[in-house]
């Protein structure tokens, strides 16, 4: 399952990052994403939910849906 597919308040554990996009892989890792970390979907923003709020290790992070689609998670 991809990170952007989690429902609001649903948690998951990161399985893989980047999905073949090396540039985004580096960006996501710089922000703090790492395999094995727990994430929680806080919610989606207005205008069709193109921006997502994700809690990662006690930090709230905003991601584009396209960025979240590059993170594979195992739902909790």
PDB file of N, CA and C in Angstrom:
ATOM      1  N   UNK A   1       0.850  -1.170   0.000  1.00  0.00           N
ATOM      2  CA  UNK A   1       0.000   0.000   0.000  1.00  0.00           C
ATOM      3  C   UNK A   1       0.898   1.237   0.000  1.00  0.00           C
ATOM      4  N   UNK A   2       0.452   2.279  -0.662  1.00  0.00           N
ATOM      5  CA  UNK A   2       1.195   3.540  -0.718  1.00  0.00           C
ATOM      6  C   UNK A   2       0.754   4.456   0.425  1.00  0.00           C
ATOM      7  N   UNK A   3       1.640   5.316   0.844  1.00  0.00           N
ATOM      8  CA  UNK A   3       1.362   6.212   1.970  1.00  0.00           C
ATOM      9  C   UNK A   3       0.120   7.059   1.731  1.00  0.00           C
ATOM     10  N   UNK A   4      -0.069   7.556   0.522  1.00  0.00           N
ATOM     11  CA  UNK A   4      -1.222   8.425   0.264  1.00  0.00           C
ATOM     12  C   UNK A   4      -2.555   7.672   0.329  1.00  0.00           C
ATOM     13  N   UNK A   5      -2.515   6.341   0.368  1.00  0.00           N
ATOM     14  CA  UNK A   5      -3.737   5.536   0.438  1.00  0.00           C
ATOM     15  C   UNK A   5      -4.234   5.309   1.867  1.00  0.00           C
ATOM     16  N   UNK A   6      -3.419   5.666   2.863  1.00  0.00           N
ATOM     17  CA  UNK A   6      -3.866   5.529   4.246  1.00  0.00           C
ATOM     18  C   UNK A   6      -5.034   6.487   4.496  1.00  0.00           C
ATOM     19  N   UNK A   7      -5.955   6.047   5.316  1.00  0.00           N
ATOM     20  CA  UNK A   7      -7.080   6.905   5.697  1.00  0.00           C
ATOM     21  C   UNK A   7      -6.643   7.799   6.860  1.00  0.00           C
ATOM     22  N   UNK A   8      -7.393   8.856   7.098  1.00  0.00           N
ATOM     23  CA  UNK A   8      -7.084   9.767   8.204  1.00  0.00           C
ATOM     24  C   UNK A   8      -7.003   8.987   9.511  1.00  0.00           C
ATOM     25  N   UNK A   9      -5.985   9.265  10.286  1.00  0.00           N
ATOM     26  CA  UNK A   9      -5.692   8.647  11.590  1.00  0.00           C
ATOM     27  C   UNK A   9      -5.214   7.197  11.486  1.00  0.00           C
ATOM     28  N   UNK A  10      -5.021   6.697  10.289  1.00  0.00           N
ATOM     29  CA  UNK A  10      -4.509   5.338  10.109  1.00  0.00           C
ATOM     30  C   UNK A  10      -2.985   5.366  10.165  1.00  0.00           C
ATOM     31  N   UNK A  11      -2.420   4.347  10.759  1.00  0.00           N
ATOM     32  CA  UNK A  11      -0.967   4.247  10.887  1.00  0.00           C
ATOM     33  C   UNK A  11      -0.426   3.141  10.014  1.00  0.00           C
ATOM     34  N   UNK A  12       0.843   3.256   9.718  1.00  0.00           N
ATOM     35  CA  UNK A  12       1.515   2.227   8.947  1.00  0.00           C
ATOM     36  C   UNK A  12       3.007   2.270   9.222  1.00  0.00           C
ATOM     37  N   UNK A  13       3.703   1.244   8.765  1.00  0.00           N
ATOM     38  CA  UNK A  13       5.156   1.169   8.918  1.00  0.00           C
ATOM     39  C   UNK A  13       5.785   1.215   7.528  1.00  0.00           C
ATOM     40  N   UNK A  14       6.780   2.055   7.356  1.00  0.00           N
ATOM     41  CA  UNK A  14       7.413   2.249   6.048  1.00  0.00           C
ATOM     42  C   UNK A  14       8.162   0.988   5.636  1.00  0.00           C
ATOM     43  N   UNK A  15       7.845   0.508   4.432  1.00  0.00           N
ATOM     44  CA  UNK A  15       8.492  -0.671   3.871  1.00  0.00           C
ATOM     45  C   UNK A  15       9.575  -0.284   2.862  1.00  0.00           C
ATOM     46  N   UNK A  16       9.306   0.702   2.012  1.00  0.00           N
ATOM     47  CA  UNK A  16      10.255   1.110   0.972  1.00  0.00           C
ATOM     48  C   UNK A  16      10.033   2.580   0.627  1.00  0.00           C
ATOM     49  N   UNK A  17      11.097   3.221   0.132  1.00  0.00           N
ATOM     50  CA  UNK A  17      11.050   4.647  -0.203  1.00  0.00           C
ATOM     51  C   UNK A  17      11.619   4.867  -1.594  1.00  0.00           C
ATOM     52  N   UNK A  18      10.994   5.753  -2.340  1.00  0.00           N
ATOM     53  CA  UNK A  18      11.555   6.187  -3.616  1.00  0.00           C
ATOM     54  C   UNK A  18      10.949   5.558  -4.837  1.00  0.00           C
ATOM     55  N   UNK A  19      10.678   4.270  -4.805  1.00  0.00           N
ATOM     56  CA  UNK A  19      10.070   3.549  -5.933  1.00  0.00           C
ATOM     57  C   UNK A  19      10.736   3.878  -7.267  1.00  0.00           C
ATOM     58  N   UNK A  20      12.074   3.846  -7.303  1.00  0.00           N
ATOM     59  CA  UNK A  20      12.793   4.068  -8.543  1.00  0.00           C
ATOM     60  C   UNK A  20      13.123   5.515  -8.859  1.00  0.00           C
ATOM     61  N   UNK A  21      12.651   6.440  -8.062  1.00  0.00           N
ATOM     62  CA  UNK A  21      12.934   7.853  -8.276  1.00  0.00           C
ATOM     63  C   UNK A  21      14.031   8.271  -7.303  1.00  0.00           C
ATOM     64  N   UNK A  22      15.284   8.235  -7.747  1.00  0.00           N
ATOM     65  CA  UNK A  22      16.421   8.476  -6.863  1.00  0.00           C
ATOM     66  C   UNK A  22      16.406   9.870  -6.242  1.00  0.00           C
ATOM     67  N   UNK A  23      16.011  10.864  -7.016  1.00  0.00           N
ATOM     68  CA  UNK A  23      15.977  12.238  -6.509  1.00  0.00           C
ATOM     69  C   UNK A  23      14.974  12.375  -5.365  1.00  0.00           C
ATOM     70  N   UNK A  24      13.786  11.785  -5.516  1.00  0.00           N
ATOM     71  CA  UNK A  24      12.773  11.863  -4.455  1.00  0.00           C
ATOM     72  C   UNK A  24      13.174  10.996  -3.265  1.00  0.00           C
ATOM     73  N   UNK A  25      13.844   9.880  -3.536  1.00  0.00           N
ATOM     74  CA  UNK A  25      14.331   9.028  -2.458  1.00  0.00           C
ATOM     75  C   UNK A  25      15.249   9.831  -1.539  1.00  0.00           C
ATOM     76  N   UNK A  26      16.174  10.572  -2.117  1.00  0.00           N
ATOM     77  CA  UNK A  26      17.099  11.392  -1.344  1.00  0.00           C
ATOM     78  C   UNK A  26      16.340  12.472  -0.570  1.00  0.00           C
ATOM     79  N   UNK A  27      15.404  13.136  -1.231  1.00  0.00           N
ATOM     80  CA  UNK A  27      14.632  14.204  -0.572  1.00  0.00           C
ATOM     81  C   UNK A  27      13.846  13.669   0.618  1.00  0.00           C
ATOM     82  N   UNK A  28      13.162  12.540   0.434  1.00  0.00           N
ATOM     83  CA  UNK A  28      12.362  11.967   1.514  1.00  0.00           C
ATOM     84  C   UNK A  28      13.249  11.526   2.678  1.00  0.00           C
ATOM     85  N   UNK A  29      14.401  10.962   2.372  1.00  0.00           N
ATOM     86  CA  UNK A  29      15.319  10.549   3.440  1.00  0.00           C
ATOM     87  C   UNK A  29      15.882  11.760   4.186  1.00  0.00           C
ATOM     88  N   UNK A  30      16.140  12.857   3.488  1.00  0.00           N
ATOM     89  CA  UNK A  30      16.623  14.077   4.145  1.00  0.00           C
ATOM     90  C   UNK A  30      15.588  14.635   5.117  1.00  0.00           C
ATOM     91  N   UNK A  31      14.321  14.479   4.778  1.00  0.00           N
ATOM     92  CA  UNK A  31      13.245  14.950   5.645  1.00  0.00           C
ATOM     93  C   UNK A  31      13.108  14.056   6.882  1.00  0.00           C
ATOM     94  N   UNK A  32      13.548  12.788   6.760  1.00  0.00           N
ATOM     95  CA  UNK A  32      13.499  11.899   7.911  1.00  0.00           C
ATOM     96  C   UNK A  32      12.852  10.555   7.671  1.00  0.00           C
ATOM     97  N   UNK A  33      12.364  10.294   6.470  1.00  0.00           N
ATOM     98  CA  UNK A  33      11.739   9.012   6.182  1.00  0.00           C
ATOM     99  C   UNK A  33      12.793   7.912   6.131  1.00  0.00           C
ATOM    100  N   UNK A  34      12.474   6.773   6.737  1.00  0.00           N
ATOM    101  CA  UNK A  34      13.388   5.637   6.750  1.00  0.00           C
ATOM    102  C   UNK A  34      12.572   4.354   6.884  1.00  0.00           C
ATOM    103  N   UNK A  35      13.060   3.282   6.280  1.00  0.00           N
ATOM    104  CA  UNK A  35      12.369   2.008   6.376  1.00  0.00           C
ATOM    105  C   UNK A  35      12.231   1.609   7.847  1.00  0.00           C
ATOM    106  N   UNK A  36      11.059   1.103   8.195  1.00  0.00           N
ATOM    107  CA  UNK A  36      10.795   0.674   9.567  1.00  0.00           C
ATOM    108  C   UNK A  36      10.152   1.728  10.438  1.00  0.00           C
ATOM    109  N   UNK A  37      10.173   2.994  10.021  1.00  0.00           N
ATOM    110  CA  UNK A  37       9.543   4.054  10.811  1.00  0.00           C
ATOM    111  C   UNK A  37       8.029   3.959  10.738  1.00  0.00           C
ATOM    112  N   UNK A  38       7.377   4.359  11.825  1.00  0.00           N
ATOM    113  CA  UNK A  38       5.922   4.405  11.844  1.00  0.00           C
ATOM    114  C   UNK A  38       5.445   5.773  11.364  1.00  0.00           C
ATOM    115  N   UNK A  39       4.432   5.768  10.520  1.00  0.00           N
ATOM    116  CA  UNK A  39       3.825   7.004  10.024  1.00  0.00           C
ATOM    117  C   UNK A  39       2.332   6.972  10.312  1.00  0.00           C
ATOM    118  N   UNK A  40       1.751   8.146  10.425  1.00  0.00           N
ATOM    119  CA  UNK A  40       0.303   8.269  10.619  1.00  0.00           C
ATOM    120  C   UNK A  40      -0.220   9.328   9.660  1.00  0.00           C
ATOM    121  N   UNK A  41      -1.270   8.997   8.946  1.00  0.00           N
ATOM    122  CA  UNK A  41      -1.924   9.965   8.075  1.00  0.00           C
ATOM    123  C   UNK A  41      -2.792  10.862   8.945  1.00  0.00           C
ATOM    124  N   UNK A  42      -2.442  12.123   9.012  1.00  0.00           N
ATOM    125  CA  UNK A  42      -3.208  13.075   9.817  1.00  0.00           C
ATOM    126  C   UNK A  42      -4.418  13.546   9.026  1.00  0.00           C
ATOM    127  N   UNK A  43      -4.228  13.853   7.750  1.00  0.00           N
ATOM    128  CA  UNK A  43      -5.343  14.283   6.922  1.00  0.00           C
ATOM    129  C   UNK A  43      -4.881  14.908   5.625  1.00  0.00           C
ATOM    130  N   UNK A  44      -5.845  15.263   4.821  1.00  0.00           N
ATOM    131  CA  UNK A  44      -5.577  15.875   3.519  1.00  0.00           C
ATOM    132  C   UNK A  44      -6.035  17.327   3.542  1.00  0.00           C
ATOM    133  N   UNK A  45      -5.347  18.143   2.771  1.00  0.00           N
ATOM    134  CA  UNK A  45      -5.677  19.554   2.695  1.00  0.00           C
ATOM    135  C   UNK A  45      -6.836  19.809   1.748  1.00  0.00           C
ATOM    136  N   UNK A  46      -7.209  21.070   1.610  1.00  0.00           N
ATOM    137  CA  UNK A  46      -8.301  21.422   0.707  1.00  0.00           C
ATOM    138  C   UNK A  46      -7.882  21.273  -0.761  1.00  0.00           C
ATOM    139  N   UNK A  47      -8.774  21.564  -1.634  1.00  0.00           N
ATOM    140  CA  UNK A  47      -8.528  21.531  -3.080  1.00  0.00           C
ATOM    141  C   UNK A  47      -8.215  20.126  -3.584  1.00  0.00           C
ATOM    142  N   UNK A  48      -9.030  19.185  -3.200  1.00  0.00           N
ATOM    143  CA  UNK A  48      -8.876  17.824  -3.703  1.00  0.00           C
ATOM    144  C   UNK A  48      -7.847  16.993  -2.976  1.00  0.00           C
ATOM    145  N   UNK A  49      -7.346  17.458  -1.843  1.00  0.00           N
ATOM    146  CA  UNK A  49      -6.407  16.687  -1.049  1.00  0.00           C
ATOM    147  C   UNK A  49      -5.045  16.509  -1.687  1.00  0.00           C
ATOM    148  N   UNK A  50      -4.605  17.480  -2.462  1.00  0.00           N
ATOM    149  CA  UNK A  50      -3.290  17.362  -3.123  1.00  0.00           C
ATOM    150  C   UNK A  50      -2.136  17.461  -2.134  1.00  0.00           C
ATOM    151  N   UNK A  51      -2.389  18.045  -0.962  1.00  0.00           N
ATOM    152  CA  UNK A  51      -1.379  18.136   0.084  1.00  0.00           C
ATOM    153  C   UNK A  51      -1.833  17.285   1.260  1.00  0.00           C
ATOM    154  N   UNK A  52      -0.900  16.484   1.773  1.00  0.00           N
ATOM    155  CA  UNK A  52      -1.211  15.588   2.880  1.00  0.00           C
ATOM    156  C   UNK A  52      -0.395  15.978   4.104  1.00  0.00           C
ATOM    157  N   UNK A  53      -0.991  15.777   5.279  1.00  0.00           N
ATOM    158  CA  UNK A  53      -0.271  15.969   6.541  1.00  0.00           C
ATOM    159  C   UNK A  53      -0.003  14.583   7.118  1.00  0.00           C
ATOM    160  N   UNK A  54       1.268  14.307   7.367  1.00  0.00           N
ATOM    161  CA  UNK A  54       1.700  12.995   7.850  1.00  0.00           C
ATOM    162  C   UNK A  54       2.529  13.191   9.115  1.00  0.00           C
ATOM    163  N   UNK A  55       2.261  12.365  10.126  1.00  0.00           N
ATOM    164  CA  UNK A  55       3.074  12.411  11.338  1.00  0.00           C
ATOM    165  C   UNK A  55       4.150  11.340  11.217  1.00  0.00           C
ATOM    166  N   UNK A  56       5.401  11.747  11.341  1.00  0.00           N
ATOM    167  CA  UNK A  56       6.548  10.851  11.241  1.00  0.00           C
ATOM    168  C   UNK A  56       7.449  11.121  12.436  1.00  0.00           C
ATOM    169  N   UNK A  57       7.576  10.122  13.312  1.00  0.00           N
ATOM    170  CA  UNK A  57       8.452  10.284  14.489  1.00  0.00           C
ATOM    171  C   UNK A  57       8.164  11.571  15.253  1.00  0.00           C
ATOM    172  N   UNK A  58       6.922  11.814  15.583  1.00  0.00           N
ATOM    173  CA  UNK A  58       6.476  12.983  16.358  1.00  0.00           C
ATOM    174  C   UNK A  58       6.584  14.307  15.611  1.00  0.00           C
ATOM    175  N   UNK A  59       6.876  14.259  14.330  1.00  0.00           N
ATOM    176  CA  UNK A  59       6.989  15.472  13.528  1.00  0.00           C
ATOM    177  C   UNK A  59       5.888  15.486  12.485  1.00  0.00           C
ATOM    178  N   UNK A  60       5.237  16.612  12.323  1.00  0.00           N
ATOM    179  CA  UNK A  60       4.193  16.753  11.312  1.00  0.00           C
ATOM    180  C   UNK A  60       4.838  17.244  10.019  1.00  0.00           C
ATOM    181  N   UNK A  61       4.610  16.495   8.940  1.00  0.00           N
ATOM    182  CA  UNK A  61       5.230  16.792   7.651  1.00  0.00           C
ATOM    183  C   UNK A  61       4.143  16.933   6.596  1.00  0.00           C
ATOM    184  N   UNK A  62       4.268  17.940   5.746  1.00  0.00           N
ATOM    185  CA  UNK A  62       3.346  18.111   4.616  1.00  0.00           C
ATOM    186  C   UNK A  62       4.008  17.530   3.373  1.00  0.00           C
ATOM    187  N   UNK A  63       3.251  16.718   2.645  1.00  0.00           N
ATOM    188  CA  UNK A  63       3.735  16.087   1.417  1.00  0.00           C
ATOM    189  C   UNK A  63       2.720  16.271   0.310  1.00  0.00           C
ATOM    190  N   UNK A  64       3.196  16.333  -0.909  1.00  0.00           N
ATOM    191  CA  UNK A  64       2.294  16.265  -2.058  1.00  0.00           C
ATOM    192  C   UNK A  64       1.845  14.808  -2.194  1.00  0.00           C
ATOM    193  N   UNK A  65       0.681  14.611  -2.761  1.00  0.00           N
ATOM    194  CA  UNK A  65       0.191  13.252  -2.987  1.00  0.00           C
ATOM    195  C   UNK A  65       1.169  12.466  -3.847  1.00  0.00           C
ATOM    196  N   UNK A  66       1.769  13.111  -4.841  1.00  0.00           N
ATOM    197  CA  UNK A  66       2.734  12.430  -5.715  1.00  0.00           C
ATOM    198  C   UNK A  66       3.978  11.976  -4.943  1.00  0.00           C
ATOM    199  N   UNK A  67       4.380  12.725  -3.934  1.00  0.00           N
ATOM    200  CA  UNK A  67       5.523  12.329  -3.106  1.00  0.00           C
ATOM    201  C   UNK A  67       5.150  11.159  -2.198  1.00  0.00           C
ATOM    202  N   UNK A  68       3.965  11.237  -1.598  1.00  0.00           N
ATOM    203  CA  UNK A  68       3.509  10.169  -0.721  1.00  0.00           C
ATOM    204  C   UNK A  68       3.303   8.861  -1.490  1.00  0.00           C
ATOM    205  N   UNK A  69       3.023   8.955  -2.786  1.00  0.00           N
ATOM    206  CA  UNK A  69       2.826   7.762  -3.604  1.00  0.00           C
ATOM    207  C   UNK A  69       4.132   6.985  -3.790  1.00  0.00           C
ATOM    208  N   UNK A  70       5.264   7.590  -3.481  1.00  0.00           N
ATOM    209  CA  UNK A  70       6.562   6.926  -3.610  1.00  0.00           C
ATOM    210  C   UNK A  70       6.982   6.193  -2.352  1.00  0.00           C
ATOM    211  N   UNK A  71       6.150   6.262  -1.298  1.00  0.00           N
ATOM    212  CA  UNK A  71       6.464   5.606  -0.034  1.00  0.00           C
ATOM    213  C   UNK A  71       5.529   4.416   0.143  1.00  0.00           C
ATOM    214  N   UNK A  72       6.097   3.222   0.232  1.00  0.00           N
ATOM    215  CA  UNK A  72       5.307   2.013   0.464  1.00  0.00           C
ATOM    216  C   UNK A  72       5.217   1.753   1.953  1.00  0.00           C
ATOM    217  N   UNK A  73       4.010   1.455   2.429  1.00  0.00           N
ATOM    218  CA  UNK A  73       3.806   1.199   3.856  1.00  0.00           C
ATOM    219  C   UNK A  73       3.024  -0.094   4.063  1.00  0.00           C
ATOM    220  N   UNK A  74       3.227  -0.686   5.218  1.00  0.00           N
ATOM    221  CA  UNK A  74       2.408  -1.801   5.674  1.00  0.00           C
ATOM    222  C   UNK A  74       1.435  -1.204   6.682  1.00  0.00           C
ATOM    223  N   UNK A  75       0.123  -1.247   6.414  1.00  0.00           N
ATOM    224  CA  UNK A  75      -0.832  -0.640   7.353  1.00  0.00           C
ATOM    225  C   UNK A  75      -0.819  -1.359   8.699  1.00  0.00           C
ATOM    226  N   UNK A  76      -1.023  -0.597   9.757  1.00  0.00           N
ATOM    227  CA  UNK A  76      -1.030  -1.162  11.101  1.00  0.00           C
ATOM    228  C   UNK A  76      -2.421  -1.647  11.465  1.00  0.00           C
TER     229      UNK A  76
END
